[in-house]
Amino acid sequence: MMNQKFNFLLAVGLLGFSLLFPRASQAQCSGVSPSFSVNGTGCGIPRNYTFTNTSTGSYSSSATYIWRHGSTTVDTTTGTGSSPTVTITAPGTDTVWLVAVDSNGCRDSVLQILNTSTTANGIFDPSTSTYNYSPLWENCILFLASPDSFRIYLQSNGTLTNYRVIWGDGAQDSGASLPPFTDISHLYTTLGTYTVQIVSQNGSCYDTVQGTVVNERIPTAGIIGPPAGGNVGCAPHTVRFINNSYNVSSSTVFVWSMGDGTTYTLPYTTAQDTLYHTYTQGDRKSVV
C-alpha cells in the first residue's frame, strides 16, 4: 500500500446571509390572470401592508401563488384565499410581486410599487456618517485583551418628541423632548447583536426607527495539525486537528472543508477543541 499526504486549512468567519433575487415570468396564461389589491395601515413607520389576491380565470382557484417582497418570498399558497402582510420599516419604494402558476405549469406575474413616507427624523448612522432610518453602530474588537464593552451615541437631525429608546439589551430611556443633534448614550457590556428601537411622536403619528448594534470580536483563525507523521498514512487514515482560533464571539462559526468532499460547520464553542477526521481514499488532500 502507498503512503499518502494530507494538507489542511481552517476557514473562520461570522454568520452571514445571501439573497436570491426573483426572476418572474412575464408569460400570459389563458387559465389565470394574476392581480391583487393593497391595503396599508398606520400613519408612521413601521407601516403594515396587507395584500388581497384578486386573480381571475378558469384555473385561478387551483393555481399556485407566490408572493414576493423584493427578493424575499413572503408566502406560497394554492388558491386565492391567502392575504399576506409585509411590514416596511423605512420610507422609500418597495416592489411586491404576485406570481401565478396554473396546473399546466404556465406562469404569469404582476407587481405593485409601495411608496412609504414618514415625517420621522433621521438618526445619525456612524457607519455612513449620514442621518437615515436604519442606523448601524459597529464595534469590531481586534485585540484579545480589549474589553467587551461598547458605548454608542444616538442623535437625531430633528427634535424627538415623547421619545422612547429601547436599547435591545433590556434597558430603555425616555423623555418629553430630545433636541436635534443632542447625544443620548448607552453602554453595552456584553458581546452580541442588538436591535435598537427609537420611538417618537410626529403629529398624531408615532414612528419607530430601528437600528442595529454589532458588538463582536474579529476572530483569528488558528490550527494545530497532527503530530509529526500523522498526516501521512494508508487509507482509511484518521487525522487529528486542533482548532487553535481565538478572539471569537458567539456569532463566530468555524467551517472545515476536509478536501475529500466532507465539510463541518461548528459553533464558536469549538474553539480550542480537537477534531478527528478519517480519510477513506488515498490521495493528497487540501482542507479549506
C-alpha atoms as a PDB file:
ATOM      1  CA  MET A   1       0.000   0.000   0.000  1.00  0.00           C
ATOM      2  CA  MET A   2       1.036   3.574  -0.653  1.00  0.00           C
ATOM      3  CA  ASN A   3       1.627   6.320   1.901  1.00  0.00           C
ATOM      4  CA  GLN A   4      -0.403   9.487   1.272  1.00  0.00           C
ATOM      5  CA  LYS A   5      -0.012  13.086   2.494  1.00  0.00           C
ATOM      6  CA  PHE A   6      -2.955  15.201   3.726  1.00  0.00           C
ATOM      7  CA  ASN A   7      -2.940  19.018   3.750  1.00  0.00           C
ATOM      8  CA  PHE A   8      -5.416  21.056   5.772  1.00  0.00           C
ATOM      9  CA  LEU A   9      -6.707  24.594   6.316  1.00  0.00           C
ATOM     10  CA  LEU A  10      -9.411  26.099   8.556  1.00  0.00           C
ATOM     11  CA  ALA A  11     -11.648  28.975   7.479  1.00  0.00           C
ATOM     12  CA  VAL A  12     -13.359  31.015  10.186  1.00  0.00           C
ATOM     13  CA  GLY A  13     -15.850  33.866   9.924  1.00  0.00           C
ATOM     14  CA  LEU A  14     -19.021  35.475  11.188  1.00  0.00           C
ATOM     15  CA  LEU A  15     -22.514  34.302  10.360  1.00  0.00           C
ATOM     16  CA  GLY A  16     -23.838  35.944   7.221  1.00  0.00           C
ATOM     17  CA  PHE A  17     -26.565  35.711   4.684  1.00  0.00           C
ATOM     18  CA  SER A  18     -27.147  35.842   0.927  1.00  0.00           C
ATOM     19  CA  LEU A  19     -30.104  36.944  -1.183  1.00  0.00           C
ATOM     20  CA  LEU A  20     -31.562  35.152  -4.182  1.00  0.00           C
ATOM     21  CA  PHE A  21     -33.278  37.606  -6.469  1.00  0.00           C
ATOM     22  CA  PRO A  22     -36.517  36.530  -8.161  1.00  0.00           C
ATOM     23  CA  ARG A  23     -36.930  36.203 -11.869  1.00  0.00           C
ATOM     24  CA  ALA A  24     -40.632  36.381 -12.570  1.00  0.00           C
ATOM     25  CA  SER A  25     -42.145  35.138 -15.802  1.00  0.00           C
ATOM     26  CA  GLN A  26     -43.979  37.589 -17.999  1.00  0.00           C
ATOM     27  CA  ALA A  27     -45.884  34.867 -19.903  1.00  0.00           C
ATOM     28  CA  GLN A  28     -49.619  35.244 -20.460  1.00  0.00           C
ATOM     29  CA  CYS A  29     -51.647  32.275 -19.166  1.00  0.00           C
ATOM     30  CA  SER A  30     -55.124  31.724 -20.557  1.00  0.00           C
ATOM     31  CA  GLY A  31     -56.283  29.996 -17.364  1.00  0.00           C
ATOM     32  CA  VAL A  32     -55.219  32.557 -14.770  1.00  0.00           C
ATOM     33  CA  SER A  33     -54.683  36.321 -14.738  1.00  0.00           C
ATOM     34  CA  PRO A  34     -52.907  37.433 -11.528  1.00  0.00           C
ATOM     35  CA  SER A  35     -53.959  40.618  -9.757  1.00  0.00           C
ATOM     36  CA  PHE A  36     -54.082  41.870  -6.181  1.00  0.00           C
ATOM     37  CA  SER A  37     -55.119  44.856  -4.089  1.00  0.00           C
ATOM     38  CA  VAL A  38     -53.114  46.576  -1.345  1.00  0.00           C
ATOM     39  CA  ASN A  39     -54.273  47.995   1.973  1.00  0.00           C
ATOM     40  CA  GLY A  40     -51.816  49.986   4.079  1.00  0.00           C
ATOM     41  CA  THR A  41     -52.458  50.622   7.776  1.00  0.00           C
ATOM     42  CA  GLY A  42     -50.818  53.084  10.115  1.00  0.00           C
ATOM     43  CA  CYS A  43     -49.507  56.589   9.534  1.00  0.00           C
ATOM     44  CA  GLY A  44     -45.885  56.244  10.557  1.00  0.00           C
ATOM     45  CA  ILE A  45     -43.148  53.644  10.307  1.00  0.00           C
ATOM     46  CA  PRO A  46     -43.188  50.755  10.526  1.00  0.00           C
ATOM     47  CA  ARG A  47     -46.120  50.502   8.084  1.00  0.00           C
ATOM     48  CA  ASN A  48     -48.125  47.314   7.561  1.00  0.00           C
ATOM     49  CA  TYR A  49     -49.421  46.393   4.111  1.00  0.00           C
ATOM     50  CA  THR A  50     -51.950  43.610   3.539  1.00  0.00           C
ATOM     51  CA  PHE A  51     -52.464  42.110   0.071  1.00  0.00           C
ATOM     52  CA  THR A  52     -55.650  40.508  -1.238  1.00  0.00           C
ATOM     53  CA  ASN A  53     -55.465  38.110  -4.177  1.00  0.00           C
ATOM     54  CA  THR A  54     -58.000  39.165  -6.817  1.00  0.00           C
ATOM     55  CA  SER A  55     -56.745  36.893  -9.607  1.00  0.00           C
ATOM     56  CA  THR A  56     -59.258  35.652 -12.162  1.00  0.00           C
ATOM     57  CA  GLY A  57     -59.517  32.875 -14.736  1.00  0.00           C
ATOM     58  CA  SER A  58     -60.734  29.310 -15.019  1.00  0.00           C
ATOM     59  CA  TYR A  59     -57.671  27.989 -13.121  1.00  0.00           C
ATOM     60  CA  SER A  60     -57.454  30.797 -10.572  1.00  0.00           C
ATOM     61  CA  SER A  61     -58.884  28.703  -7.708  1.00  0.00           C
ATOM     62  CA  SER A  62     -56.414  25.847  -8.265  1.00  0.00           C
ATOM     63  CA  ALA A  63     -53.326  27.840  -9.256  1.00  0.00           C
ATOM     64  CA  THR A  64     -50.285  28.190  -7.020  1.00  0.00           C
ATOM     65  CA  TYR A  65     -49.471  31.755  -5.993  1.00  0.00           C
ATOM     66  CA  ILE A  66     -46.072  33.003  -4.904  1.00  0.00           C
ATOM     67  CA  TRP A  67     -45.906  36.364  -3.124  1.00  0.00           C
ATOM     68  CA  ARG A  68     -42.572  38.173  -3.142  1.00  0.00           C
ATOM     69  CA  HIS A  69     -41.490  41.350  -1.428  1.00  0.00           C
ATOM     70  CA  GLY A  70     -38.421  42.379  -3.380  1.00  0.00           C
ATOM     71  CA  SER A  71     -36.165  39.321  -3.262  1.00  0.00           C
ATOM     72  CA  THR A  72     -37.947  37.639  -0.344  1.00  0.00           C
ATOM     73  CA  THR A  73     -40.708  35.066  -0.748  1.00  0.00           C
ATOM     74  CA  VAL A  74     -43.479  36.107   1.633  1.00  0.00           C
ATOM     75  CA  ASP A  75     -45.985  33.315   1.067  1.00  0.00           C
ATOM     76  CA  THR A  76     -46.725  30.386  -1.237  1.00  0.00           C
ATOM     77  CA  THR A  77     -50.271  29.053  -1.382  1.00  0.00           C
ATOM     78  CA  THR A  78     -52.814  27.284  -3.578  1.00  0.00           C
ATOM     79  CA  GLY A  79     -55.974  29.230  -4.356  1.00  0.00           C
ATOM     80  CA  THR A  80     -56.775  32.896  -3.872  1.00  0.00           C
ATOM     81  CA  GLY A  81     -57.576  32.818  -0.140  1.00  0.00           C
ATOM     82  CA  SER A  82     -54.182  33.969   1.137  1.00  0.00           C
ATOM     83  CA  SER A  83     -53.794  37.583   2.326  1.00  0.00           C
ATOM     84  CA  PRO A  84     -50.151  38.014   3.346  1.00  0.00           C
ATOM     85  CA  THR A  85     -48.823  41.043   5.168  1.00  0.00           C
ATOM     86  CA  VAL A  86     -45.447  42.762   4.962  1.00  0.00           C
ATOM     87  CA  THR A  87     -44.020  45.357   7.332  1.00  0.00           C
ATOM     88  CA  ILE A  88     -41.970  48.235   5.919  1.00  0.00           C
ATOM     89  CA  THR A  89     -39.586  49.733   8.471  1.00  0.00           C
ATOM     90  CA  ALA A  90     -38.126  52.623   6.460  1.00  0.00           C
ATOM     91  CA  PRO A  91     -39.517  55.130   3.955  1.00  0.00           C
ATOM     92  CA  GLY A  92     -38.954  54.543   0.264  1.00  0.00           C
ATOM     93  CA  THR A  93     -40.252  52.366  -2.554  1.00  0.00           C
ATOM     94  CA  ASP A  94     -40.731  48.604  -2.328  1.00  0.00           C
ATOM     95  CA  THR A  95     -41.804  46.147  -5.019  1.00  0.00           C
ATOM     96  CA  VAL A  96     -44.343  43.393  -4.357  1.00  0.00           C
ATOM     97  CA  TRP A  97     -44.838  40.593  -6.890  1.00  0.00           C
ATOM     98  CA  LEU A  98     -47.604  38.041  -7.265  1.00  0.00           C
ATOM     99  CA  VAL A  99     -46.578  35.079  -9.429  1.00  0.00           C
ATOM    100  CA  ALA A 100     -49.336  32.673 -10.541  1.00  0.00           C
ATOM    101  CA  VAL A 101     -48.589  29.130 -11.743  1.00  0.00           C
ATOM    102  CA  ASP A 102     -51.520  27.209 -13.229  1.00  0.00           C
ATOM    103  CA  SER A 103     -51.945  23.434 -13.321  1.00  0.00           C
ATOM    104  CA  ASN A 104     -50.274  23.308 -16.749  1.00  0.00           C
ATOM    105  CA  GLY A 105     -47.150  24.997 -15.434  1.00  0.00           C
ATOM    106  CA  CYS A 106     -47.827  28.330 -17.139  1.00  0.00           C
ATOM    107  CA  ARG A 107     -46.508  31.270 -15.102  1.00  0.00           C
ATOM    108  CA  ASP A 108     -47.706  34.851 -15.117  1.00  0.00           C
ATOM    109  CA  SER A 109     -46.897  37.706 -12.757  1.00  0.00           C
ATOM    110  CA  VAL A 110     -47.947  41.174 -11.714  1.00  0.00           C
ATOM    111  CA  LEU A 111     -46.276  43.746  -9.491  1.00  0.00           C
ATOM    112  CA  GLN A 112     -47.175  46.826  -7.497  1.00  0.00           C
ATOM    113  CA  ILE A 113     -44.925  49.536  -6.094  1.00  0.00           C
ATOM    114  CA  LEU A 114     -45.354  50.562  -2.448  1.00  0.00           C
ATOM    115  CA  ASN A 115     -44.438  54.161  -1.647  1.00  0.00           C
ATOM    116  CA  THR A 116     -43.896  54.627   2.079  1.00  0.00           C
ATOM    117  CA  SER A 117     -43.358  58.096   3.508  1.00  0.00           C
ATOM    118  CA  THR A 118     -42.740  59.365   7.023  1.00  0.00           C
ATOM    119  CA  THR A 119     -42.288  62.570   8.972  1.00  0.00           C
ATOM    120  CA  ALA A 120     -39.878  60.862  11.373  1.00  0.00           C
ATOM    121  CA  ASN A 121     -36.464  62.393  11.937  1.00  0.00           C
ATOM    122  CA  GLY A 122     -33.366  60.595  10.756  1.00  0.00           C
ATOM    123  CA  ILE A 123     -30.918  59.041  13.218  1.00  0.00           C
ATOM    124  CA  PHE A 124     -27.181  59.545  12.810  1.00  0.00           C
ATOM    125  CA  ASP A 125     -25.537  56.452  11.343  1.00  0.00           C
ATOM    126  CA  PRO A 126     -21.803  56.387  12.193  1.00  0.00           C
ATOM    127  CA  SER A 127     -21.171  53.688   9.577  1.00  0.00           C
ATOM    128  CA  THR A 128     -22.149  56.086   6.764  1.00  0.00           C
ATOM    129  CA  SER A 129     -21.922  59.481   8.546  1.00  0.00           C
ATOM    130  CA  THR A 130     -25.488  60.224   7.414  1.00  0.00           C
ATOM    131  CA  TYR A 131     -28.871  60.602   9.079  1.00  0.00           C
ATOM    132  CA  ASN A 132     -31.158  57.760   7.999  1.00  0.00           C
ATOM    133  CA  TYR A 133     -33.800  55.286   9.179  1.00  0.00           C
ATOM    134  CA  SER A 134     -31.644  52.178   9.654  1.00  0.00           C
ATOM    135  CA  PRO A 135     -28.552  53.304  11.584  1.00  0.00           C
ATOM    136  CA  LEU A 136     -25.725  50.901  12.324  1.00  0.00           C
ATOM    137  CA  TRP A 137     -23.235  51.028  15.179  1.00  0.00           C
ATOM    138  CA  GLU A 138     -20.337  48.572  14.873  1.00  0.00           C
ATOM    139  CA  ASN A 139     -17.647  47.637  17.351  1.00  0.00           C
ATOM    140  CA  CYS A 140     -15.306  45.008  15.954  1.00  0.00           C
ATOM    141  CA  ILE A 141     -12.876  44.080  18.732  1.00  0.00           C
ATOM    142  CA  LEU A 142      -9.481  43.208  17.345  1.00  0.00           C
ATOM    143  CA  PHE A 143      -7.367  42.520  20.417  1.00  0.00           C
ATOM    144  CA  LEU A 144      -7.910  39.661  22.845  1.00  0.00           C
ATOM    145  CA  ALA A 145      -7.227  41.869  25.886  1.00  0.00           C
ATOM    146  CA  SER A 146      -9.764  44.543  24.861  1.00  0.00           C
ATOM    147  CA  PRO A 147     -12.944  44.707  26.959  1.00  0.00           C
ATOM    148  CA  ASP A 148     -16.340  43.582  25.673  1.00  0.00           C
ATOM    149  CA  SER A 149     -17.987  46.924  26.488  1.00  0.00           C
ATOM    150  CA  PHE A 150     -19.194  49.297  23.753  1.00  0.00           C
ATOM    151  CA  ARG A 151     -20.742  52.742  24.255  1.00  0.00           C
ATOM    152  CA  ILE A 152     -22.875  54.153  21.456  1.00  0.00           C
ATOM    153  CA  TYR A 153     -24.122  57.697  20.951  1.00  0.00           C
ATOM    154  CA  LEU A 154     -27.544  58.351  19.430  1.00  0.00           C
ATOM    155  CA  GLN A 155     -28.714  61.658  17.985  1.00  0.00           C
ATOM    156  CA  SER A 156     -31.401  62.853  15.562  1.00  0.00           C
ATOM    157  CA  ASN A 157     -31.466  65.627  12.956  1.00  0.00           C
ATOM    158  CA  GLY A 158     -34.736  66.898  14.429  1.00  0.00           C
ATOM    159  CA  THR A 159     -36.468  67.101  17.796  1.00  0.00           C
ATOM    160  CA  LEU A 160     -37.607  63.749  19.178  1.00  0.00           C
ATOM    161  CA  THR A 161     -40.936  64.354  20.934  1.00  0.00           C
ATOM    162  CA  ASN A 162     -42.264  61.978  23.596  1.00  0.00           C
ATOM    163  CA  TYR A 163     -39.438  59.661  22.702  1.00  0.00           C
ATOM    164  CA  ARG A 164     -38.523  56.237  23.987  1.00  0.00           C
ATOM    165  CA  VAL A 165     -35.310  54.371  23.124  1.00  0.00           C
ATOM    166  CA  ILE A 166     -35.367  50.599  23.555  1.00  0.00           C
ATOM    167  CA  TRP A 167     -31.721  49.575  23.504  1.00  0.00           C
ATOM    168  CA  GLY A 168     -32.283  45.855  22.894  1.00  0.00           C
ATOM    169  CA  ASP A 169     -30.452  44.622  25.987  1.00  0.00           C
ATOM    170  CA  GLY A 170     -33.331  45.159  28.405  1.00  0.00           C
ATOM    171  CA  ALA A 171     -32.634  48.845  29.053  1.00  0.00           C
ATOM    172  CA  GLN A 172     -34.751  51.832  27.995  1.00  0.00           C
ATOM    173  CA  ASP A 173     -34.557  55.632  28.079  1.00  0.00           C
ATOM    174  CA  SER A 174     -37.411  58.079  27.550  1.00  0.00           C
ATOM    175  CA  GLY A 175     -38.237  61.765  27.748  1.00  0.00           C
ATOM    176  CA  ALA A 176     -40.584  64.518  26.631  1.00  0.00           C
ATOM    177  CA  SER A 177     -38.138  66.066  24.172  1.00  0.00           C
ATOM    178  CA  LEU A 178     -34.637  65.470  22.836  1.00  0.00           C
ATOM    179  CA  PRO A 179     -33.305  68.474  20.878  1.00  0.00           C
ATOM    180  CA  PRO A 180     -31.725  67.927  17.463  1.00  0.00           C
ATOM    181  CA  PHE A 181     -28.036  66.993  17.330  1.00  0.00           C
ATOM    182  CA  THR A 182     -28.067  66.181  21.046  1.00  0.00           C
ATOM    183  CA  ASP A 183     -26.476  62.899  22.097  1.00  0.00           C
ATOM    184  CA  ILE A 184     -28.015  60.244  24.269  1.00  0.00           C
ATOM    185  CA  SER A 185     -25.652  57.361  25.020  1.00  0.00           C
ATOM    186  CA  HIS A 186     -25.828  53.768  26.168  1.00  0.00           C
ATOM    187  CA  LEU A 187     -23.196  51.281  27.294  1.00  0.00           C
ATOM    188  CA  TYR A 188     -23.337  47.651  26.155  1.00  0.00           C
ATOM    189  CA  THR A 189     -21.358  45.380  28.444  1.00  0.00           C
ATOM    190  CA  THR A 190     -21.682  42.051  26.623  1.00  0.00           C
ATOM    191  CA  LEU A 191     -20.982  40.879  23.091  1.00  0.00           C
ATOM    192  CA  GLY A 192     -23.849  40.429  20.683  1.00  0.00           C
ATOM    193  CA  THR A 193     -26.042  41.996  18.015  1.00  0.00           C
ATOM    194  CA  TYR A 194     -28.831  44.238  19.282  1.00  0.00           C
ATOM    195  CA  THR A 195     -31.858  45.889  17.681  1.00  0.00           C
ATOM    196  CA  VAL A 196     -32.380  49.482  18.835  1.00  0.00           C
ATOM    197  CA  GLN A 197     -35.860  50.996  18.531  1.00  0.00           C
ATOM    198  CA  ILE A 198     -36.288  54.781  18.616  1.00  0.00           C
ATOM    199  CA  VAL A 199     -39.971  55.644  19.114  1.00  0.00           C
ATOM    200  CA  SER A 200     -41.124  59.267  18.789  1.00  0.00           C
ATOM    201  CA  GLN A 201     -44.297  61.231  18.173  1.00  0.00           C
ATOM    202  CA  ASN A 202     -44.711  63.206  14.958  1.00  0.00           C
ATOM    203  CA  GLY A 203     -48.032  64.998  14.923  1.00  0.00           C
ATOM    204  CA  SER A 204     -50.693  62.369  15.514  1.00  0.00           C
ATOM    205  CA  CYS A 205     -48.380  59.548  14.432  1.00  0.00           C
ATOM    206  CA  TYR A 206     -45.833  57.511  16.307  1.00  0.00           C
ATOM    207  CA  ASP A 207     -42.816  56.385  14.313  1.00  0.00           C
ATOM    208  CA  THR A 208     -40.310  53.697  15.210  1.00  0.00           C
ATOM    209  CA  VAL A 209     -36.856  53.843  13.665  1.00  0.00           C
ATOM    210  CA  GLN A 210     -34.927  50.589  14.005  1.00  0.00           C
ATOM    211  CA  GLY A 211     -31.154  50.446  14.169  1.00  0.00           C
ATOM    212  CA  THR A 212     -28.596  47.705  14.756  1.00  0.00           C
ATOM    213  CA  VAL A 213     -25.715  47.498  17.208  1.00  0.00           C
ATOM    214  CA  VAL A 214     -22.993  44.962  16.441  1.00  0.00           C
ATOM    215  CA  ASN A 215     -20.556  44.346  19.284  1.00  0.00           C
ATOM    216  CA  GLU A 216     -18.398  41.418  18.233  1.00  0.00           C
ATOM    217  CA  ARG A 217     -14.828  40.228  18.203  1.00  0.00           C
ATOM    218  CA  ILE A 218     -12.834  39.763  14.991  1.00  0.00           C
ATOM    219  CA  PRO A 219     -11.789  36.108  15.082  1.00  0.00           C
ATOM    220  CA  THR A 220      -8.280  34.973  14.282  1.00  0.00           C
ATOM    221  CA  ALA A 221      -8.138  31.526  12.707  1.00  0.00           C
ATOM    222  CA  GLY A 222      -5.584  29.065  14.004  1.00  0.00           C
ATOM    223  CA  ILE A 223      -4.964  25.372  13.580  1.00  0.00           C
ATOM    224  CA  ILE A 224      -2.616  22.811  15.066  1.00  0.00           C
ATOM    225  CA  GLY A 225      -2.087  19.922  12.715  1.00  0.00           C
ATOM    226  CA  PRO A 226      -1.429  16.293  13.524  1.00  0.00           C
ATOM    227  CA  PRO A 227       1.770  15.274  15.268  1.00  0.00           C
ATOM    228  CA  ALA A 228       4.806  14.518  13.165  1.00  0.00           C
ATOM    229  CA  GLY A 229       3.979  11.858  10.606  1.00  0.00           C
ATOM    230  CA  GLY A 230       0.293  11.948  11.494  1.00  0.00           C
ATOM    231  CA  ASN A 231      -0.711  13.450   8.174  1.00  0.00           C
ATOM    232  CA  VAL A 232       0.735  10.519   6.230  1.00  0.00           C
ATOM    233  CA  GLY A 233      -0.740   7.037   6.180  1.00  0.00           C
ATOM    234  CA  CYS A 234      -2.679   4.396   4.343  1.00  0.00           C
ATOM    235  CA  ALA A 235      -6.402   4.886   3.833  1.00  0.00           C
ATOM    236  CA  PRO A 236      -8.521   4.631   5.838  1.00  0.00           C
ATOM    237  CA  HIS A 237      -6.470   7.050   7.913  1.00  0.00           C
ATOM    238  CA  THR A 238      -7.679   9.165  10.849  1.00  0.00           C
ATOM    239  CA  VAL A 239      -6.071  12.577  11.267  1.00  0.00           C
ATOM    240  CA  ARG A 240      -6.218  14.789  14.349  1.00  0.00           C
ATOM    241  CA  PHE A 241      -6.688  18.582  14.134  1.00  0.00           C
ATOM    242  CA  ILE A 242      -6.893  21.183  16.917  1.00  0.00           C
ATOM    243  CA  ASN A 243      -8.845  24.403  16.403  1.00  0.00           C
ATOM    244  CA  ASN A 244      -6.412  26.971  17.787  1.00  0.00           C
ATOM    245  CA  SER A 245      -8.532  30.027  16.878  1.00  0.00           C
ATOM    246  CA  TYR A 246      -9.035  32.834  19.380  1.00  0.00           C
ATOM    247  CA  ASN A 247     -10.812  36.179  19.927  1.00  0.00           C
ATOM    248  CA  VAL A 248     -14.145  34.621  18.964  1.00  0.00           C
ATOM    249  CA  SER A 249     -17.713  35.796  19.592  1.00  0.00           C
ATOM    250  CA  SER A 250     -20.974  33.908  19.893  1.00  0.00           C
ATOM    251  CA  SER A 251     -21.674  34.606  16.199  1.00  0.00           C
ATOM    252  CA  THR A 252     -18.377  33.085  15.051  1.00  0.00           C
ATOM    253  CA  VAL A 253     -18.616  29.881  13.047  1.00  0.00           C
ATOM    254  CA  PHE A 254     -15.847  27.511  12.013  1.00  0.00           C
ATOM    255  CA  VAL A 255     -16.083  25.931   8.580  1.00  0.00           C
ATOM    256  CA  TRP A 256     -13.852  22.928   7.968  1.00  0.00           C
ATOM    257  CA  SER A 257     -13.566  21.586   4.416  1.00  0.00           C
ATOM    258  CA  MET A 258     -11.555  18.409   4.630  1.00  0.00           C
ATOM    259  CA  GLY A 259     -10.571  18.103   0.983  1.00  0.00           C
ATOM    260  CA  ASP A 260     -12.454  14.854   0.375  1.00  0.00           C
ATOM    261  CA  GLY A 261     -15.927  16.352  -0.025  1.00  0.00           C
ATOM    262  CA  THR A 262     -16.620  16.426   3.713  1.00  0.00           C
ATOM    263  CA  THR A 263     -17.383  19.719   5.462  1.00  0.00           C
ATOM    264  CA  TYR A 264     -18.043  20.550   9.105  1.00  0.00           C
ATOM    265  CA  THR A 265     -19.724  23.748  10.283  1.00  0.00           C
ATOM    266  CA  LEU A 266     -19.136  24.149  14.010  1.00  0.00           C
ATOM    267  CA  PRO A 267     -20.087  26.846  16.555  1.00  0.00           C
ATOM    268  CA  TYR A 268     -17.812  29.245  18.393  1.00  0.00           C
ATOM    269  CA  THR A 269     -17.733  26.915  21.400  1.00  0.00           C
ATOM    270  CA  THR A 270     -15.472  24.545  19.447  1.00  0.00           C
ATOM    271  CA  ALA A 271     -12.516  26.937  19.584  1.00  0.00           C
ATOM    272  CA  GLN A 272      -9.599  25.029  21.141  1.00  0.00           C
ATOM    273  CA  ASP A 273     -11.436  21.723  20.517  1.00  0.00           C
ATOM    274  CA  THR A 274      -9.953  18.654  18.851  1.00  0.00           C
ATOM    275  CA  LEU A 275     -11.392  17.345  15.576  1.00  0.00           C
ATOM    276  CA  TYR A 276     -10.755  13.881  14.181  1.00  0.00           C
ATOM    277  CA  HIS A 277     -11.425  13.049  10.547  1.00  0.00           C
ATOM    278  CA  THR A 278     -10.986   9.744   8.730  1.00  0.00           C
ATOM    279  CA  TYR A 279      -9.859   9.751   5.105  1.00  0.00           C
ATOM    280  CA  THR A 280     -11.156   6.671   3.303  1.00  0.00           C
ATOM    281  CA  GLN A 281      -9.469   7.177  -0.059  1.00  0.00           C
ATOM    282  CA  GLY A 282      -5.789   7.656  -0.731  1.00  0.00           C
ATOM    283  CA  ASP A 283      -4.849  10.980  -2.329  1.00  0.00           C
ATOM    284  CA  ARG A 284      -3.327  14.336  -1.477  1.00  0.00           C
ATOM    285  CA  LYS A 285      -5.975  16.374   0.360  1.00  0.00           C
ATOM    286  CA  SER A 286      -6.270  20.121   0.903  1.00  0.00           C
ATOM    287  CA  VAL A 287      -8.579  21.280   3.663  1.00  0.00           C
ATOM    288  CA  VAL A 288     -10.221  24.708   3.280  1.00  0.00           C
END
